[in-house]
Amino acid sequence: MGKTVSKNVQLAESKRENIVNAAIEEFREQGFLGANMSRIAKRAEVSSRTLYKHFENKDALFEAISEIMIERNWSMDPVAYDPDLDFAEQLQDALWRYIRVITDETAIGLNRMVLSELIRDLDRSRQFFSESETHDYPITRLISEAMDAGVIRKADPGFATNQLLMLIKGFYFWPEFFLGENPTPKAVMADCIAMFLAHYSPQD
């Protein structure tokens, strides 16, 4: 009996995953407004009844996809500060790892699909960013612990992380997002970190 229940659960999870993947493709091709639940069911190779059993409408599907995107963007483990290593080098290593996570082909595709819909729908955009704010960037811990150690001056670590990441994303995420390539030299990363460290110098 237990094995039968387990197989049923696995089958249901597999169908749900297929539906979500099919919806991602449908939304990419047709946009949210043009997406069709019947086509999504066909893509996922499930009946419409099965589709609606998992997701009552396109909004529910979009919310599920948005959650996946948020989870992927925050999938990197929080980075701890190591007092025996150079802080700038720690920042650079952590930032490159983070950029690799958010510019992965799947991550870029999800970001394009979700953000294009958020531009169209202000209420949905507010809800999405409200959910995003409940997550800490993985580099926040590194910056917070460096502040506690006196390596950089005390400030709101979340705000400081956002400042740095907005700078880094401008050079290493958005070109990939809009152009599908990144013409920015890798040396620019060191310049961004130097600007950040100068601003948060403990001598200020």
C-alpha atoms as a PDB file:
ATOM      1  CA  MET A   1       0.000   0.000   0.000  1.00  0.00           C
ATOM      2  CA  GLY A   2       2.820   2.365   0.970  1.00  0.00           C
ATOM      3  CA  LYS A   3       4.691   1.734  -2.296  1.00  0.00           C
ATOM      4  CA  THR A   4       1.534   2.424  -4.310  1.00  0.00           C
ATOM      5  CA  VAL A   5       0.988   5.743  -2.521  1.00  0.00           C
ATOM      6  CA  SER A   6       4.644   6.675  -3.050  1.00  0.00           C
ATOM      7  CA  LYS A   7       4.425   5.910  -6.782  1.00  0.00           C
ATOM      8  CA  ASN A   8       1.243   7.960  -7.079  1.00  0.00           C
ATOM      9  CA  VAL A   9       2.916  10.906  -5.347  1.00  0.00           C
ATOM     10  CA  GLN A  10       5.945  10.635  -7.622  1.00  0.00           C
ATOM     11  CA  LEU A  11       3.705  10.476 -10.691  1.00  0.00           C
ATOM     12  CA  ALA A  12       1.762  13.541  -9.551  1.00  0.00           C
ATOM     13  CA  GLU A  13       5.005  15.453  -8.904  1.00  0.00           C
ATOM     14  CA  SER A  14       6.321  14.420 -12.314  1.00  0.00           C
ATOM     15  CA  LYS A  15       3.154  15.642 -14.031  1.00  0.00           C
ATOM     16  CA  ARG A  16       3.298  18.916 -12.127  1.00  0.00           C
ATOM     17  CA  GLU A  17       6.900  19.451 -13.193  1.00  0.00           C
ATOM     18  CA  ASN A  18       5.996  18.699 -16.814  1.00  0.00           C
ATOM     19  CA  ILE A  19       3.146  21.210 -16.632  1.00  0.00           C
ATOM     20  CA  VAL A  20       5.407  23.927 -15.212  1.00  0.00           C
ATOM     21  CA  ASN A  21       8.057  23.298 -17.880  1.00  0.00           C
ATOM     22  CA  ALA A  22       5.395  23.382 -20.590  1.00  0.00           C
ATOM     23  CA  ALA A  23       4.017  26.631 -19.177  1.00  0.00           C
ATOM     24  CA  ILE A  24       7.471  28.219 -19.194  1.00  0.00           C
ATOM     25  CA  GLU A  25       7.815  27.423 -22.906  1.00  0.00           C
ATOM     26  CA  GLU A  26       4.295  28.628 -23.649  1.00  0.00           C
ATOM     27  CA  PHE A  27       4.808  31.903 -21.763  1.00  0.00           C
ATOM     28  CA  ARG A  28       8.163  32.464 -23.496  1.00  0.00           C
ATOM     29  CA  GLU A  29       6.629  32.012 -26.933  1.00  0.00           C
ATOM     30  CA  GLN A  30       3.202  33.588 -26.461  1.00  0.00           C
ATOM     31  CA  GLY A  31       3.572  35.914 -23.482  1.00  0.00           C
ATOM     32  CA  PHE A  32       1.235  35.713 -20.518  1.00  0.00           C
ATOM     33  CA  LEU A  33      -1.785  37.144 -22.301  1.00  0.00           C
ATOM     34  CA  GLY A  34      -1.361  34.938 -25.365  1.00  0.00           C
ATOM     35  CA  ALA A  35      -0.651  31.753 -23.427  1.00  0.00           C
ATOM     36  CA  ASN A  36      -3.333  29.093 -23.654  1.00  0.00           C
ATOM     37  CA  MET A  37      -4.092  26.483 -20.983  1.00  0.00           C
ATOM     38  CA  SER A  38      -5.109  23.876 -23.582  1.00  0.00           C
ATOM     39  CA  ARG A  39      -1.791  24.260 -25.394  1.00  0.00           C
ATOM     40  CA  ILE A  40       0.059  23.994 -22.082  1.00  0.00           C
ATOM     41  CA  ALA A  41      -1.748  20.713 -21.341  1.00  0.00           C
ATOM     42  CA  LYS A  42      -0.844  19.433 -24.802  1.00  0.00           C
ATOM     43  CA  ARG A  43       2.794  20.416 -24.382  1.00  0.00           C
ATOM     44  CA  ALA A  44       2.898  18.685 -21.000  1.00  0.00           C
ATOM     45  CA  GLU A  45       1.133  15.611 -22.440  1.00  0.00           C
ATOM     46  CA  VAL A  46      -1.546  15.683 -19.753  1.00  0.00           C
ATOM     47  CA  SER A  47      -5.291  16.104 -19.888  1.00  0.00           C
ATOM     48  CA  SER A  48      -6.883  19.479 -19.232  1.00  0.00           C
ATOM     49  CA  ARG A  49      -8.445  17.922 -16.141  1.00  0.00           C
ATOM     50  CA  THR A  50      -5.019  17.015 -14.795  1.00  0.00           C
ATOM     51  CA  LEU A  51      -3.723  20.497 -15.585  1.00  0.00           C
ATOM     52  CA  TYR A  52      -6.532  22.222 -13.694  1.00  0.00           C
ATOM     53  CA  LYS A  53      -6.135  19.790 -10.823  1.00  0.00           C
ATOM     54  CA  HIS A  54      -2.642  21.195 -10.262  1.00  0.00           C
ATOM     55  CA  PHE A  55      -3.215  24.806 -11.350  1.00  0.00           C
ATOM     56  CA  GLU A  56      -6.612  26.459 -11.442  1.00  0.00           C
ATOM     57  CA  ASN A  57      -5.570  29.153 -13.949  1.00  0.00           C
ATOM     58  CA  LYS A  58      -2.671  30.920 -15.679  1.00  0.00           C
ATOM     59  CA  ASP A  59      -2.117  33.154 -12.655  1.00  0.00           C
ATOM     60  CA  ALA A  60      -1.423  30.126 -10.464  1.00  0.00           C
ATOM     61  CA  LEU A  61       1.020  28.807 -13.063  1.00  0.00           C
ATOM     62  CA  PHE A  62       2.771  32.154 -13.295  1.00  0.00           C
ATOM     63  CA  GLU A  63       3.117  32.340  -9.507  1.00  0.00           C
ATOM     64  CA  ALA A  64       4.658  28.858  -9.451  1.00  0.00           C
ATOM     65  CA  ILE A  65       7.156  29.851 -12.148  1.00  0.00           C
ATOM     66  CA  SER A  66       7.982  33.095 -10.316  1.00  0.00           C
ATOM     67  CA  GLU A  67       8.736  31.079  -7.158  1.00  0.00           C
ATOM     68  CA  ILE A  68      11.057  28.817  -9.146  1.00  0.00           C
ATOM     69  CA  MET A  69      12.879  31.866 -10.504  1.00  0.00           C
ATOM     70  CA  ILE A  70      13.281  33.351  -7.028  1.00  0.00           C
ATOM     71  CA  GLU A  71      14.567  30.036  -5.665  1.00  0.00           C
ATOM     72  CA  ARG A  72      17.100  29.739  -8.503  1.00  0.00           C
ATOM     73  CA  ASN A  73      18.331  33.304  -7.988  1.00  0.00           C
ATOM     74  CA  TRP A  74      18.869  32.581  -4.287  1.00  0.00           C
ATOM     75  CA  SER A  75      20.073  28.984  -4.698  1.00  0.00           C
ATOM     76  CA  MET A  76      23.666  29.815  -3.798  1.00  0.00           C
ATOM     77  CA  ASP A  77      24.512  29.148  -0.151  1.00  0.00           C
ATOM     78  CA  PRO A  78      25.201  32.195   2.054  1.00  0.00           C
ATOM     79  CA  VAL A  79      28.890  33.111   2.056  1.00  0.00           C
ATOM     80  CA  ALA A  80      30.675  33.446   5.392  1.00  0.00           C
ATOM     81  CA  TYR A  81      33.525  35.896   6.026  1.00  0.00           C
ATOM     82  CA  ASP A  82      36.980  34.354   6.567  1.00  0.00           C
ATOM     83  CA  PRO A  83      39.289  36.658   8.584  1.00  0.00           C
ATOM     84  CA  ASP A  84      42.349  34.782   7.261  1.00  0.00           C
ATOM     85  CA  LEU A  85      41.625  35.730   3.647  1.00  0.00           C
ATOM     86  CA  ASP A  86      41.646  39.055   1.811  1.00  0.00           C
ATOM     87  CA  PHE A  87      38.125  40.511   1.897  1.00  0.00           C
ATOM     88  CA  ALA A  88      38.278  41.895  -1.660  1.00  0.00           C
ATOM     89  CA  GLU A  89      39.240  38.460  -2.962  1.00  0.00           C
ATOM     90  CA  GLN A  90      36.410  36.865  -0.985  1.00  0.00           C
ATOM     91  CA  LEU A  91      33.959  39.363  -2.448  1.00  0.00           C
ATOM     92  CA  GLN A  92      35.203  38.777  -5.971  1.00  0.00           C
ATOM     93  CA  ASP A  93      34.971  34.987  -5.654  1.00  0.00           C
ATOM     94  CA  ALA A  94      31.453  35.180  -4.191  1.00  0.00           C
ATOM     95  CA  LEU A  95      30.282  37.657  -6.831  1.00  0.00           C
ATOM     96  CA  TRP A  96      31.542  35.533  -9.726  1.00  0.00           C
ATOM     97  CA  ARG A  97      29.729  32.518  -8.279  1.00  0.00           C
ATOM     98  CA  TYR A  98      26.545  34.554  -7.925  1.00  0.00           C
ATOM     99  CA  ILE A  99      26.792  35.889 -11.488  1.00  0.00           C
ATOM    100  CA  ARG A 100      27.216  32.333 -12.785  1.00  0.00           C
ATOM    101  CA  VAL A 101      24.011  31.342 -10.972  1.00  0.00           C
ATOM    102  CA  ILE A 102      21.856  34.183 -12.315  1.00  0.00           C
ATOM    103  CA  THR A 103      23.248  34.100 -15.872  1.00  0.00           C
ATOM    104  CA  ASP A 104      22.795  30.366 -16.307  1.00  0.00           C
ATOM    105  CA  GLU A 105      20.811  29.728 -19.513  1.00  0.00           C
ATOM    106  CA  THR A 106      17.748  28.449 -17.643  1.00  0.00           C
ATOM    107  CA  ALA A 107      17.903  31.296 -15.127  1.00  0.00           C
ATOM    108  CA  ILE A 108      18.128  33.905 -17.894  1.00  0.00           C
ATOM    109  CA  GLY A 109      15.143  32.348 -19.669  1.00  0.00           C
ATOM    110  CA  LEU A 110      13.063  32.397 -16.498  1.00  0.00           C
ATOM    111  CA  ASN A 111      14.061  35.984 -15.765  1.00  0.00           C
ATOM    112  CA  ARG A 112      13.124  37.131 -19.273  1.00  0.00           C
ATOM    113  CA  MET A 113       9.751  35.411 -19.105  1.00  0.00           C
ATOM    114  CA  VAL A 114       8.839  36.613 -15.611  1.00  0.00           C
ATOM    115  CA  LEU A 115      10.179  40.164 -15.875  1.00  0.00           C
ATOM    116  CA  SER A 116       8.437  40.825 -19.190  1.00  0.00           C
ATOM    117  CA  GLU A 117       5.110  40.053 -17.505  1.00  0.00           C
ATOM    118  CA  LEU A 118       5.975  42.125 -14.439  1.00  0.00           C
ATOM    119  CA  ILE A 119       6.545  45.162 -16.665  1.00  0.00           C
ATOM    120  CA  ARG A 120       3.006  44.757 -17.998  1.00  0.00           C
ATOM    121  CA  ASP A 121       1.258  44.133 -14.684  1.00  0.00           C
ATOM    122  CA  LEU A 122       2.086  46.592 -11.872  1.00  0.00           C
ATOM    123  CA  ASP A 123       0.133  44.712  -9.179  1.00  0.00           C
ATOM    124  CA  ARG A 124       1.849  41.445 -10.043  1.00  0.00           C
ATOM    125  CA  SER A 125       5.183  43.258 -10.044  1.00  0.00           C
ATOM    126  CA  ARG A 126       4.578  44.624  -6.533  1.00  0.00           C
ATOM    127  CA  GLN A 127       3.643  41.160  -5.278  1.00  0.00           C
ATOM    128  CA  PHE A 128       6.720  39.606  -6.855  1.00  0.00           C
ATOM    129  CA  PHE A 129       9.165  42.132  -5.406  1.00  0.00           C
ATOM    130  CA  SER A 130       7.468  41.889  -2.017  1.00  0.00           C
ATOM    131  CA  GLU A 131       8.170  38.152  -2.091  1.00  0.00           C
ATOM    132  CA  SER A 132      11.735  38.743  -3.291  1.00  0.00           C
ATOM    133  CA  GLU A 133      12.447  41.060  -0.352  1.00  0.00           C
ATOM    134  CA  THR A 134      11.888  38.189   2.092  1.00  0.00           C
ATOM    135  CA  HIS A 135      15.069  36.533   0.737  1.00  0.00           C
ATOM    136  CA  ASP A 136      18.613  37.587   1.616  1.00  0.00           C
ATOM    137  CA  TYR A 137      21.224  37.636  -1.125  1.00  0.00           C
ATOM    138  CA  PRO A 138      23.930  34.993  -0.423  1.00  0.00           C
ATOM    139  CA  ILE A 139      26.566  37.734  -0.235  1.00  0.00           C
ATOM    140  CA  THR A 140      24.721  39.639   2.515  1.00  0.00           C
ATOM    141  CA  ARG A 141      26.213  37.396   5.198  1.00  0.00           C
ATOM    142  CA  LEU A 142      29.753  38.004   3.915  1.00  0.00           C
ATOM    143  CA  ILE A 143      29.268  41.775   3.976  1.00  0.00           C
ATOM    144  CA  SER A 144      27.530  41.714   7.373  1.00  0.00           C
ATOM    145  CA  GLU A 145      30.297  39.680   9.005  1.00  0.00           C
ATOM    146  CA  ALA A 146      32.977  41.893   7.428  1.00  0.00           C
ATOM    147  CA  MET A 147      31.221  44.894   8.994  1.00  0.00           C
ATOM    148  CA  ASP A 148      31.179  43.149  12.379  1.00  0.00           C
ATOM    149  CA  ALA A 149      34.908  42.445  11.998  1.00  0.00           C
ATOM    150  CA  GLY A 150      35.614  46.130  11.278  1.00  0.00           C
ATOM    151  CA  VAL A 151      36.942  45.454   7.776  1.00  0.00           C
ATOM    152  CA  ILE A 152      34.357  47.848   6.347  1.00  0.00           C
ATOM    153  CA  ARG A 153      32.317  50.464   8.164  1.00  0.00           C
ATOM    154  CA  LYS A 154      29.037  49.580   9.839  1.00  0.00           C
ATOM    155  CA  ALA A 155      25.880  50.094   7.799  1.00  0.00           C
ATOM    156  CA  ASP A 156      22.759  48.199   6.804  1.00  0.00           C
ATOM    157  CA  PRO A 157      24.275  45.041   5.248  1.00  0.00           C
ATOM    158  CA  GLY A 158      21.191  44.407   3.113  1.00  0.00           C
ATOM    159  CA  PHE A 159      21.314  47.912   1.650  1.00  0.00           C
ATOM    160  CA  ALA A 160      25.077  47.692   1.102  1.00  0.00           C
ATOM    161  CA  THR A 161      24.661  44.349  -0.675  1.00  0.00           C
ATOM    162  CA  ASN A 162      22.004  45.837  -2.944  1.00  0.00           C
ATOM    163  CA  GLN A 163      24.285  48.750  -3.814  1.00  0.00           C
ATOM    164  CA  LEU A 164      27.089  46.402  -4.813  1.00  0.00           C
ATOM    165  CA  LEU A 165      24.874  43.985  -6.723  1.00  0.00           C
ATOM    166  CA  MET A 166      23.131  46.747  -8.663  1.00  0.00           C
ATOM    167  CA  LEU A 167      26.569  47.832  -9.846  1.00  0.00           C
ATOM    168  CA  ILE A 168      27.685  44.289 -10.677  1.00  0.00           C
ATOM    169  CA  LYS A 169      24.427  43.350 -12.415  1.00  0.00           C
ATOM    170  CA  GLY A 170      24.665  46.451 -14.579  1.00  0.00           C
ATOM    171  CA  PHE A 171      27.856  45.053 -16.076  1.00  0.00           C
ATOM    172  CA  TYR A 172      27.381  41.283 -15.868  1.00  0.00           C
ATOM    173  CA  PHE A 173      23.652  40.441 -15.782  1.00  0.00           C
ATOM    174  CA  TRP A 174      21.748  42.974 -17.871  1.00  0.00           C
ATOM    175  CA  PRO A 175      23.970  42.692 -20.974  1.00  0.00           C
ATOM    176  CA  GLU A 176      23.395  38.918 -20.873  1.00  0.00           C
ATOM    177  CA  PHE A 177      19.682  39.454 -20.282  1.00  0.00           C
ATOM    178  CA  PHE A 178      19.172  41.884 -23.179  1.00  0.00           C
ATOM    179  CA  LEU A 179      21.914  40.898 -25.639  1.00  0.00           C
ATOM    180  CA  GLY A 180      22.457  37.199 -24.969  1.00  0.00           C
ATOM    181  CA  GLU A 181      26.156  37.909 -24.529  1.00  0.00           C
ATOM    182  CA  ASN A 182      28.446  39.808 -22.200  1.00  0.00           C
ATOM    183  CA  PRO A 183      30.985  42.204 -23.736  1.00  0.00           C
ATOM    184  CA  THR A 184      32.134  43.514 -20.320  1.00  0.00           C
ATOM    185  CA  PRO A 185      35.799  42.690 -19.531  1.00  0.00           C
ATOM    186  CA  LYS A 186      36.274  40.612 -16.392  1.00  0.00           C
ATOM    187  CA  ALA A 187      38.643  43.274 -15.018  1.00  0.00           C
ATOM    188  CA  VAL A 188      35.641  45.561 -14.454  1.00  0.00           C
ATOM    189  CA  MET A 189      34.640  43.373 -11.498  1.00  0.00           C
ATOM    190  CA  ALA A 190      37.730  44.493  -9.559  1.00  0.00           C
ATOM    191  CA  ASP A 191      36.881  48.156 -10.285  1.00  0.00           C
ATOM    192  CA  CYS A 192      33.339  47.687  -8.935  1.00  0.00           C
ATOM    193  CA  ILE A 193      34.657  46.081  -5.769  1.00  0.00           C
ATOM    194  CA  ALA A 194      37.226  48.855  -5.318  1.00  0.00           C
ATOM    195  CA  MET A 195      34.456  51.471  -5.579  1.00  0.00           C
ATOM    196  CA  PHE A 196      32.388  49.585  -3.004  1.00  0.00           C
ATOM    197  CA  LEU A 197      35.313  49.243  -0.579  1.00  0.00           C
ATOM    198  CA  ALA A 198      36.223  52.918  -0.966  1.00  0.00           C
ATOM    199  CA  HIS A 199      32.672  53.926  -0.077  1.00  0.00           C
ATOM    200  CA  TYR A 200      32.541  51.604   2.933  1.00  0.00           C
ATOM    201  CA  SER A 201      36.078  52.282   4.105  1.00  0.00           C
ATOM    202  CA  PRO A 202      36.259  52.099   7.941  1.00  0.00           C
ATOM    203  CA  GLN A 203      38.208  55.396   7.905  1.00  0.00           C
ATOM    204  CA  ASP A 204      35.108  57.335   6.637  1.00  0.00           C
END
